[in-house]
Amino acid sequence: MTAWREFEAAEPEFARRVRTLFDARRHKTMATLRADGSPRISGIEMKFDDGELTFGSMPNARKGADLRRDPRVALHSATVDPVDGEEAKWPGEAKISGRAVDDGERFRVDVAEVVHTHLNEAATLLVVEWWTPEAGLRKVERE
């Protein structure tokens, strides 16, 4: 796994775009796994703090209990709809997955994958860019 700062150093422009999407809105969405293995979706506020991606959890919150039992986590930026006729200006959406590490007062994320989904300049193709520590940055375009 990788700290946010390591990802940011490896792919600064890509990291800037992803961080901009996460910072654009206060509330994000987090997915954790319940004790029975089913998914739980929760609202979350997170921040990039001193090279780390961090978030808190209220005492006795289910998402915190989920993460202490199984640290796998996925985060999704807030999304906005493309404006009709201006689809090429749509900034897209970002996702980060990895493992949440409990540091006592907060969690930090060891990053396993970062994704930015958006449209190409002509707004004719869906562009999916993703980064992993093992394979680096990759990109596909789909109709």
N, C-alpha and C. Protein backbone atom coordinates (compact mmCIF):
# COMPACT_ATOMS: atom_id res chain seq x y z
N MET A 1 0.84 -1.18 0.00
CA MET A 1 0.00 0.00 0.00
C MET A 1 0.89 1.24 0.00
N THR A 2 0.26 2.36 -0.32
CA THR A 2 0.99 3.59 -0.55
C THR A 2 0.32 4.76 0.18
N ALA A 3 1.12 5.60 0.79
CA ALA A 3 0.59 6.83 1.37
C ALA A 3 0.22 7.78 0.24
N TRP A 4 -0.72 8.69 0.49
CA TRP A 4 -1.13 9.66 -0.53
C TRP A 4 0.08 10.41 -1.07
N ARG A 5 1.00 10.82 -0.20
CA ARG A 5 2.17 11.60 -0.63
C ARG A 5 3.02 10.84 -1.64
N GLU A 6 3.11 9.52 -1.50
CA GLU A 6 3.88 8.72 -2.45
C GLU A 6 3.19 8.68 -3.81
N PHE A 7 1.88 8.51 -3.80
CA PHE A 7 1.12 8.55 -5.05
C PHE A 7 1.26 9.92 -5.70
N GLU A 8 1.13 10.97 -4.90
CA GLU A 8 1.23 12.35 -5.39
C GLU A 8 2.60 12.62 -6.02
N ALA A 9 3.64 12.08 -5.42
CA ALA A 9 4.99 12.25 -5.97
C ALA A 9 5.16 11.48 -7.28
N ALA A 10 4.52 10.32 -7.37
CA ALA A 10 4.64 9.49 -8.58
C ALA A 10 3.85 10.06 -9.75
N GLU A 11 2.67 10.64 -9.48
CA GLU A 11 1.79 11.15 -10.54
C GLU A 11 1.19 12.50 -10.12
N PRO A 12 1.99 13.56 -10.07
CA PRO A 12 1.50 14.84 -9.53
C PRO A 12 0.30 15.44 -10.27
N GLU A 13 0.28 15.40 -11.58
CA GLU A 13 -0.84 16.01 -12.32
C GLU A 13 -2.12 15.22 -12.12
N PHE A 14 -2.02 13.90 -12.19
CA PHE A 14 -3.18 13.04 -11.97
C PHE A 14 -3.68 13.20 -10.53
N ALA A 15 -2.77 13.22 -9.57
CA ALA A 15 -3.15 13.40 -8.17
C ALA A 15 -3.84 14.75 -7.96
N ARG A 16 -3.37 15.79 -8.63
CA ARG A 16 -4.00 17.11 -8.52
C ARG A 16 -5.44 17.07 -9.00
N ARG A 17 -5.69 16.42 -10.13
CA ARG A 17 -7.06 16.32 -10.65
C ARG A 17 -7.98 15.55 -9.70
N VAL A 18 -7.48 14.45 -9.17
CA VAL A 18 -8.29 13.65 -8.24
C VAL A 18 -8.56 14.43 -6.97
N ARG A 19 -7.54 15.05 -6.42
CA ARG A 19 -7.72 15.82 -5.19
C ARG A 19 -8.69 16.98 -5.40
N THR A 20 -8.62 17.64 -6.54
CA THR A 20 -9.55 18.72 -6.84
C THR A 20 -10.99 18.23 -6.80
N LEU A 21 -11.25 17.04 -7.35
CA LEU A 21 -12.60 16.48 -7.32
C LEU A 21 -13.04 16.16 -5.89
N PHE A 22 -12.15 15.60 -5.09
CA PHE A 22 -12.50 15.30 -3.70
C PHE A 22 -12.69 16.58 -2.88
N ASP A 23 -11.89 17.60 -3.15
CA ASP A 23 -11.98 18.85 -2.40
C ASP A 23 -13.14 19.74 -2.84
N ALA A 24 -13.75 19.45 -3.99
CA ALA A 24 -14.80 20.31 -4.54
C ALA A 24 -16.05 20.35 -3.68
N ARG A 25 -16.33 19.31 -2.94
CA ARG A 25 -17.51 19.23 -2.09
C ARG A 25 -17.10 18.70 -0.73
N ARG A 26 -17.86 19.07 0.29
CA ARG A 26 -17.55 18.66 1.66
C ARG A 26 -17.81 17.18 1.89
N HIS A 27 -18.92 16.67 1.37
CA HIS A 27 -19.33 15.30 1.66
C HIS A 27 -18.96 14.35 0.53
N LYS A 28 -18.43 13.22 0.93
CA LYS A 28 -18.07 12.14 0.01
C LYS A 28 -18.83 10.89 0.42
N THR A 29 -18.62 9.79 -0.30
CA THR A 29 -19.24 8.52 0.03
C THR A 29 -18.15 7.49 0.29
N MET A 30 -18.37 6.69 1.33
CA MET A 30 -17.43 5.64 1.70
C MET A 30 -18.14 4.29 1.69
N ALA A 31 -17.44 3.28 1.19
CA ALA A 31 -17.95 1.91 1.25
C ALA A 31 -17.05 1.10 2.17
N THR A 32 -17.70 0.38 3.09
CA THR A 32 -17.01 -0.55 3.99
C THR A 32 -17.74 -1.89 3.90
N LEU A 33 -17.22 -2.86 4.62
CA LEU A 33 -17.86 -4.18 4.64
C LEU A 33 -18.39 -4.49 6.03
N ARG A 34 -19.67 -4.88 6.08
CA ARG A 34 -20.29 -5.28 7.34
C ARG A 34 -19.72 -6.63 7.78
N ALA A 35 -20.03 -7.01 9.01
CA ALA A 35 -19.55 -8.29 9.55
C ALA A 35 -19.99 -9.48 8.70
N ASP A 36 -21.17 -9.39 8.07
CA ASP A 36 -21.64 -10.50 7.23
C ASP A 36 -21.10 -10.43 5.81
N GLY A 37 -20.25 -9.44 5.53
CA GLY A 37 -19.64 -9.31 4.21
C GLY A 37 -20.41 -8.44 3.24
N SER A 38 -21.61 -8.00 3.61
CA SER A 38 -22.38 -7.14 2.72
C SER A 38 -21.83 -5.71 2.79
N PRO A 39 -22.02 -4.93 1.73
CA PRO A 39 -21.47 -3.57 1.70
C PRO A 39 -22.28 -2.60 2.55
N ARG A 40 -21.60 -1.60 3.08
CA ARG A 40 -22.25 -0.49 3.78
C ARG A 40 -21.75 0.80 3.12
N ILE A 41 -22.68 1.67 2.76
CA ILE A 41 -22.35 2.98 2.20
C ILE A 41 -22.61 4.02 3.29
N SER A 42 -21.64 4.91 3.48
CA SER A 42 -21.77 5.95 4.49
C SER A 42 -21.30 7.28 3.91
N GLY A 43 -21.90 8.35 4.40
CA GLY A 43 -21.39 9.67 4.09
C GLY A 43 -20.13 9.90 4.92
N ILE A 44 -19.20 10.67 4.38
CA ILE A 44 -17.94 10.89 5.09
C ILE A 44 -17.38 12.26 4.72
N GLU A 45 -16.69 12.86 5.64
CA GLU A 45 -15.86 14.03 5.36
C GLU A 45 -14.42 13.56 5.52
N MET A 46 -13.59 13.88 4.57
CA MET A 46 -12.19 13.46 4.62
C MET A 46 -11.31 14.63 4.21
N LYS A 47 -10.02 14.50 4.46
CA LYS A 47 -9.12 15.57 4.05
C LYS A 47 -7.76 15.00 3.72
N PHE A 48 -7.01 15.80 2.99
CA PHE A 48 -5.63 15.49 2.69
C PHE A 48 -4.81 16.29 3.69
N ASP A 49 -4.10 15.59 4.56
CA ASP A 49 -3.45 16.21 5.69
C ASP A 49 -1.99 15.77 5.75
N ASP A 50 -1.07 16.70 5.48
CA ASP A 50 0.35 16.42 5.61
C ASP A 50 0.76 15.17 4.82
N GLY A 51 0.29 15.08 3.58
CA GLY A 51 0.64 13.96 2.72
C GLY A 51 -0.14 12.68 2.96
N GLU A 52 -1.14 12.75 3.82
CA GLU A 52 -1.97 11.59 4.11
C GLU A 52 -3.42 11.90 3.77
N LEU A 53 -4.18 10.89 3.40
CA LEU A 53 -5.62 11.01 3.21
C LEU A 53 -6.23 10.50 4.52
N THR A 54 -6.98 11.36 5.22
CA THR A 54 -7.48 11.00 6.54
C THR A 54 -8.97 11.30 6.69
N PHE A 55 -9.58 10.61 7.65
CA PHE A 55 -10.98 10.88 8.02
C PHE A 55 -11.19 10.38 9.43
N GLY A 56 -12.24 10.86 10.06
CA GLY A 56 -12.57 10.44 11.41
C GLY A 56 -13.80 9.56 11.42
N SER A 57 -14.10 9.05 12.60
CA SER A 57 -15.31 8.25 12.80
C SER A 57 -15.78 8.50 14.22
N MET A 58 -17.07 8.80 14.37
CA MET A 58 -17.63 9.03 15.70
C MET A 58 -17.49 7.76 16.54
N PRO A 59 -17.36 7.91 17.86
CA PRO A 59 -17.32 6.71 18.71
C PRO A 59 -18.56 5.85 18.47
N ASN A 60 -18.37 4.58 18.39
CA ASN A 60 -19.43 3.60 18.18
C ASN A 60 -20.09 3.66 16.80
N ALA A 61 -19.52 4.41 15.88
CA ALA A 61 -20.07 4.45 14.51
C ALA A 61 -19.83 3.10 13.84
N ARG A 62 -20.80 2.67 13.07
CA ARG A 62 -20.70 1.37 12.40
C ARG A 62 -19.56 1.34 11.39
N LYS A 63 -19.33 2.44 10.66
CA LYS A 63 -18.26 2.42 9.66
C LYS A 63 -16.90 2.23 10.33
N GLY A 64 -16.69 2.83 11.49
CA GLY A 64 -15.45 2.63 12.22
C GLY A 64 -15.29 1.19 12.67
N ALA A 65 -16.37 0.60 13.17
CA ALA A 65 -16.34 -0.81 13.58
C ALA A 65 -16.06 -1.71 12.38
N ASP A 66 -16.69 -1.39 11.25
CA ASP A 66 -16.43 -2.15 10.02
C ASP A 66 -14.93 -2.13 9.70
N LEU A 67 -14.33 -0.94 9.74
CA LEU A 67 -12.93 -0.79 9.34
C LEU A 67 -11.96 -1.41 10.33
N ARG A 68 -12.32 -1.43 11.59
CA ARG A 68 -11.44 -2.08 12.57
C ARG A 68 -11.45 -3.61 12.38
N ARG A 69 -12.55 -4.13 11.88
CA ARG A 69 -12.68 -5.56 11.62
C ARG A 69 -12.08 -5.93 10.26
N ASP A 70 -12.36 -5.13 9.25
CA ASP A 70 -11.89 -5.38 7.89
C ASP A 70 -11.53 -4.01 7.30
N PRO A 71 -10.26 -3.70 7.15
CA PRO A 71 -9.85 -2.33 6.78
C PRO A 71 -10.06 -1.94 5.32
N ARG A 72 -10.59 -2.83 4.50
CA ARG A 72 -10.80 -2.46 3.09
C ARG A 72 -11.83 -1.34 2.99
N VAL A 73 -11.51 -0.33 2.18
CA VAL A 73 -12.36 0.84 2.07
C VAL A 73 -12.32 1.38 0.64
N ALA A 74 -13.42 1.97 0.22
CA ALA A 74 -13.48 2.68 -1.06
C ALA A 74 -14.13 4.03 -0.80
N LEU A 75 -13.55 5.06 -1.39
CA LEU A 75 -14.06 6.43 -1.26
C LEU A 75 -14.45 6.95 -2.63
N HIS A 76 -15.53 7.70 -2.68
CA HIS A 76 -16.04 8.26 -3.95
C HIS A 76 -16.26 9.74 -3.76
N SER A 77 -15.74 10.53 -4.69
CA SER A 77 -15.96 11.97 -4.64
C SER A 77 -17.43 12.29 -4.83
N ALA A 78 -17.83 13.47 -4.42
CA ALA A 78 -19.17 13.93 -4.75
C ALA A 78 -19.26 14.06 -6.26
N THR A 79 -20.45 13.87 -6.80
CA THR A 79 -20.60 13.95 -8.25
C THR A 79 -21.59 15.04 -8.62
N VAL A 80 -21.39 15.55 -9.81
CA VAL A 80 -22.32 16.53 -10.38
C VAL A 80 -22.67 16.04 -11.78
N ASP A 81 -23.86 16.36 -12.23
CA ASP A 81 -24.28 15.97 -13.56
C ASP A 81 -23.65 16.89 -14.60
N PRO A 82 -23.29 16.35 -15.76
CA PRO A 82 -22.84 17.21 -16.85
C PRO A 82 -23.97 18.15 -17.27
N VAL A 83 -23.63 19.36 -17.64
CA VAL A 83 -24.61 20.33 -18.12
C VAL A 83 -24.91 20.01 -19.58
N ASP A 84 -26.19 19.92 -19.93
CA ASP A 84 -26.57 19.64 -21.32
C ASP A 84 -25.92 20.66 -22.25
N GLY A 85 -25.28 20.15 -23.29
CA GLY A 85 -24.61 21.00 -24.26
C GLY A 85 -23.20 21.40 -23.86
N GLU A 86 -22.83 21.15 -22.61
CA GLU A 86 -21.48 21.48 -22.14
C GLU A 86 -20.83 20.26 -21.48
N GLU A 87 -21.11 19.09 -22.01
CA GLU A 87 -20.63 17.85 -21.42
C GLU A 87 -19.11 17.80 -21.33
N ALA A 88 -18.41 18.42 -22.30
CA ALA A 88 -16.95 18.39 -22.30
C ALA A 88 -16.36 19.12 -21.09
N LYS A 89 -17.14 19.97 -20.43
CA LYS A 89 -16.66 20.68 -19.25
C LYS A 89 -16.87 19.89 -17.96
N TRP A 90 -17.57 18.75 -18.05
CA TRP A 90 -17.82 17.93 -16.87
C TRP A 90 -16.49 17.47 -16.28
N PRO A 91 -16.24 17.73 -14.99
CA PRO A 91 -14.94 17.36 -14.41
C PRO A 91 -14.80 15.87 -14.13
N GLY A 92 -15.92 15.16 -14.12
CA GLY A 92 -15.87 13.73 -13.87
C GLY A 92 -16.02 13.40 -12.40
N GLU A 93 -15.57 12.22 -12.04
CA GLU A 93 -15.65 11.74 -10.67
C GLU A 93 -14.38 10.99 -10.34
N ALA A 94 -14.08 10.89 -9.04
CA ALA A 94 -12.86 10.22 -8.61
C ALA A 94 -13.18 9.18 -7.55
N LYS A 95 -12.34 8.14 -7.52
CA LYS A 95 -12.49 7.07 -6.55
C LYS A 95 -11.11 6.69 -6.02
N ILE A 96 -11.06 6.35 -4.75
CA ILE A 96 -9.82 5.90 -4.12
C ILE A 96 -10.17 4.66 -3.31
N SER A 97 -9.37 3.62 -3.45
CA SER A 97 -9.58 2.44 -2.61
C SER A 97 -8.27 2.04 -1.97
N GLY A 98 -8.39 1.32 -0.88
CA GLY A 98 -7.21 0.87 -0.16
C GLY A 98 -7.59 0.28 1.18
N ARG A 99 -6.73 0.52 2.16
CA ARG A 99 -6.95 0.01 3.51
C ARG A 99 -6.91 1.17 4.48
N ALA A 100 -7.86 1.19 5.40
CA ALA A 100 -7.91 2.22 6.43
C ALA A 100 -7.09 1.75 7.63
N VAL A 101 -6.19 2.60 8.06
CA VAL A 101 -5.35 2.31 9.22
C VAL A 101 -5.83 3.17 10.37
N ASP A 102 -6.19 2.54 11.48
CA ASP A 102 -6.70 3.24 12.67
C ASP A 102 -5.53 3.84 13.44
N ASP A 103 -5.45 5.16 13.44
CA ASP A 103 -4.39 5.86 14.17
C ASP A 103 -4.89 6.38 15.52
N GLY A 104 -5.97 5.83 16.04
CA GLY A 104 -6.50 6.26 17.33
C GLY A 104 -7.60 7.29 17.18
N GLU A 105 -7.25 8.52 16.86
CA GLU A 105 -8.25 9.58 16.72
C GLU A 105 -8.79 9.70 15.31
N ARG A 106 -8.13 9.10 14.36
CA ARG A 106 -8.55 9.19 12.97
C ARG A 106 -8.08 7.96 12.22
N PHE A 107 -8.54 7.84 10.99
CA PHE A 107 -8.06 6.80 10.10
C PHE A 107 -7.25 7.47 9.00
N ARG A 108 -6.25 6.79 8.51
CA ARG A 108 -5.54 7.22 7.30
C ARG A 108 -5.66 6.10 6.29
N VAL A 109 -5.61 6.44 5.02
CA VAL A 109 -5.80 5.45 3.97
C VAL A 109 -4.47 5.11 3.32
N ASP A 110 -4.14 3.82 3.32
CA ASP A 110 -3.06 3.31 2.50
C ASP A 110 -3.68 3.04 1.14
N VAL A 111 -3.22 3.75 0.14
CA VAL A 111 -3.86 3.78 -1.18
C VAL A 111 -3.45 2.55 -2.01
N ALA A 112 -4.46 1.87 -2.55
CA ALA A 112 -4.24 0.73 -3.44
C ALA A 112 -4.59 1.06 -4.89
N GLU A 113 -5.57 1.97 -5.09
CA GLU A 113 -5.99 2.34 -6.45
C GLU A 113 -6.63 3.72 -6.42
N VAL A 114 -6.35 4.49 -7.47
CA VAL A 114 -6.95 5.82 -7.64
C VAL A 114 -7.51 5.88 -9.06
N VAL A 115 -8.76 6.35 -9.20
CA VAL A 115 -9.44 6.36 -10.49
C VAL A 115 -10.03 7.75 -10.75
N HIS A 116 -9.90 8.22 -12.00
CA HIS A 116 -10.60 9.43 -12.44
C HIS A 116 -11.35 9.06 -13.72
N THR A 117 -12.65 9.22 -13.68
CA THR A 117 -13.51 8.94 -14.83
C THR A 117 -14.04 10.27 -15.34
N HIS A 118 -13.90 10.53 -16.63
CA HIS A 118 -14.33 11.80 -17.22
C HIS A 118 -14.57 11.59 -18.71
N LEU A 119 -14.91 12.64 -19.42
CA LEU A 119 -15.11 12.57 -20.87
C LEU A 119 -13.91 13.15 -21.59
N ASN A 120 -13.70 12.72 -22.84
CA ASN A 120 -12.64 13.32 -23.64
C ASN A 120 -13.04 14.75 -24.02
N GLU A 121 -12.12 15.49 -24.65
CA GLU A 121 -12.38 16.90 -24.97
C GLU A 121 -13.60 17.10 -25.87
N ALA A 122 -13.87 16.15 -26.75
CA ALA A 122 -15.03 16.26 -27.64
C ALA A 122 -16.31 15.74 -26.99
N ALA A 123 -16.19 15.21 -25.79
CA ALA A 123 -17.33 14.62 -25.05
C ALA A 123 -17.97 13.47 -25.83
N THR A 124 -17.13 12.72 -26.55
CA THR A 124 -17.63 11.59 -27.33
C THR A 124 -17.23 10.24 -26.74
N LEU A 125 -16.25 10.26 -25.84
CA LEU A 125 -15.77 9.01 -25.24
C LEU A 125 -15.67 9.16 -23.72
N LEU A 126 -15.94 8.07 -23.02
CA LEU A 126 -15.69 8.02 -21.59
C LEU A 126 -14.22 7.65 -21.39
N VAL A 127 -13.53 8.42 -20.58
CA VAL A 127 -12.12 8.18 -20.30
C VAL A 127 -11.99 7.69 -18.86
N VAL A 128 -11.35 6.55 -18.69
CA VAL A 128 -11.09 6.02 -17.35
C VAL A 128 -9.58 5.96 -17.18
N GLU A 129 -9.08 6.72 -16.22
CA GLU A 129 -7.66 6.68 -15.89
C GLU A 129 -7.55 6.10 -14.49
N TRP A 130 -6.60 5.19 -14.29
CA TRP A 130 -6.44 4.61 -12.97
C TRP A 130 -4.97 4.33 -12.70
N TRP A 131 -4.64 4.40 -11.42
CA TRP A 131 -3.27 4.20 -10.96
C TRP A 131 -3.25 3.16 -9.85
N THR A 132 -2.27 2.29 -9.91
CA THR A 132 -1.98 1.37 -8.81
C THR A 132 -0.48 1.42 -8.57
N PRO A 133 -0.02 1.11 -7.36
CA PRO A 133 1.42 1.12 -7.10
C PRO A 133 2.18 0.13 -7.99
N GLU A 134 1.55 -0.99 -8.31
CA GLU A 134 2.22 -2.02 -9.10
C GLU A 134 2.34 -1.66 -10.58
N ALA A 135 1.31 -1.10 -11.15
CA ALA A 135 1.25 -0.89 -12.61
C ALA A 135 1.37 0.58 -13.02
N GLY A 136 1.32 1.50 -12.08
CA GLY A 136 1.39 2.91 -12.44
C GLY A 136 0.09 3.40 -13.03
N LEU A 137 0.17 4.44 -13.84
CA LEU A 137 -1.00 5.09 -14.43
C LEU A 137 -1.35 4.43 -15.77
N ARG A 138 -2.65 4.12 -15.92
CA ARG A 138 -3.16 3.54 -17.15
C ARG A 138 -4.41 4.30 -17.57
N LYS A 139 -4.81 4.12 -18.83
CA LYS A 139 -5.95 4.86 -19.38
C LYS A 139 -6.64 4.03 -20.46
N VAL A 140 -7.99 4.06 -20.43
CA VAL A 140 -8.79 3.48 -21.50
C VAL A 140 -9.86 4.48 -21.89
N GLU A 141 -10.26 4.42 -23.14
CA GLU A 141 -11.38 5.24 -23.62
C GLU A 141 -12.44 4.30 -24.16
N ARG A 142 -13.70 4.61 -23.82
CA ARG A 142 -14.82 3.76 -24.23
C ARG A 142 -15.91 4.61 -24.85
N GLU A 143 -16.62 4.01 -25.79
CA GLU A 143 -17.77 4.71 -26.40
C GLU A 143 -18.95 4.64 -25.48
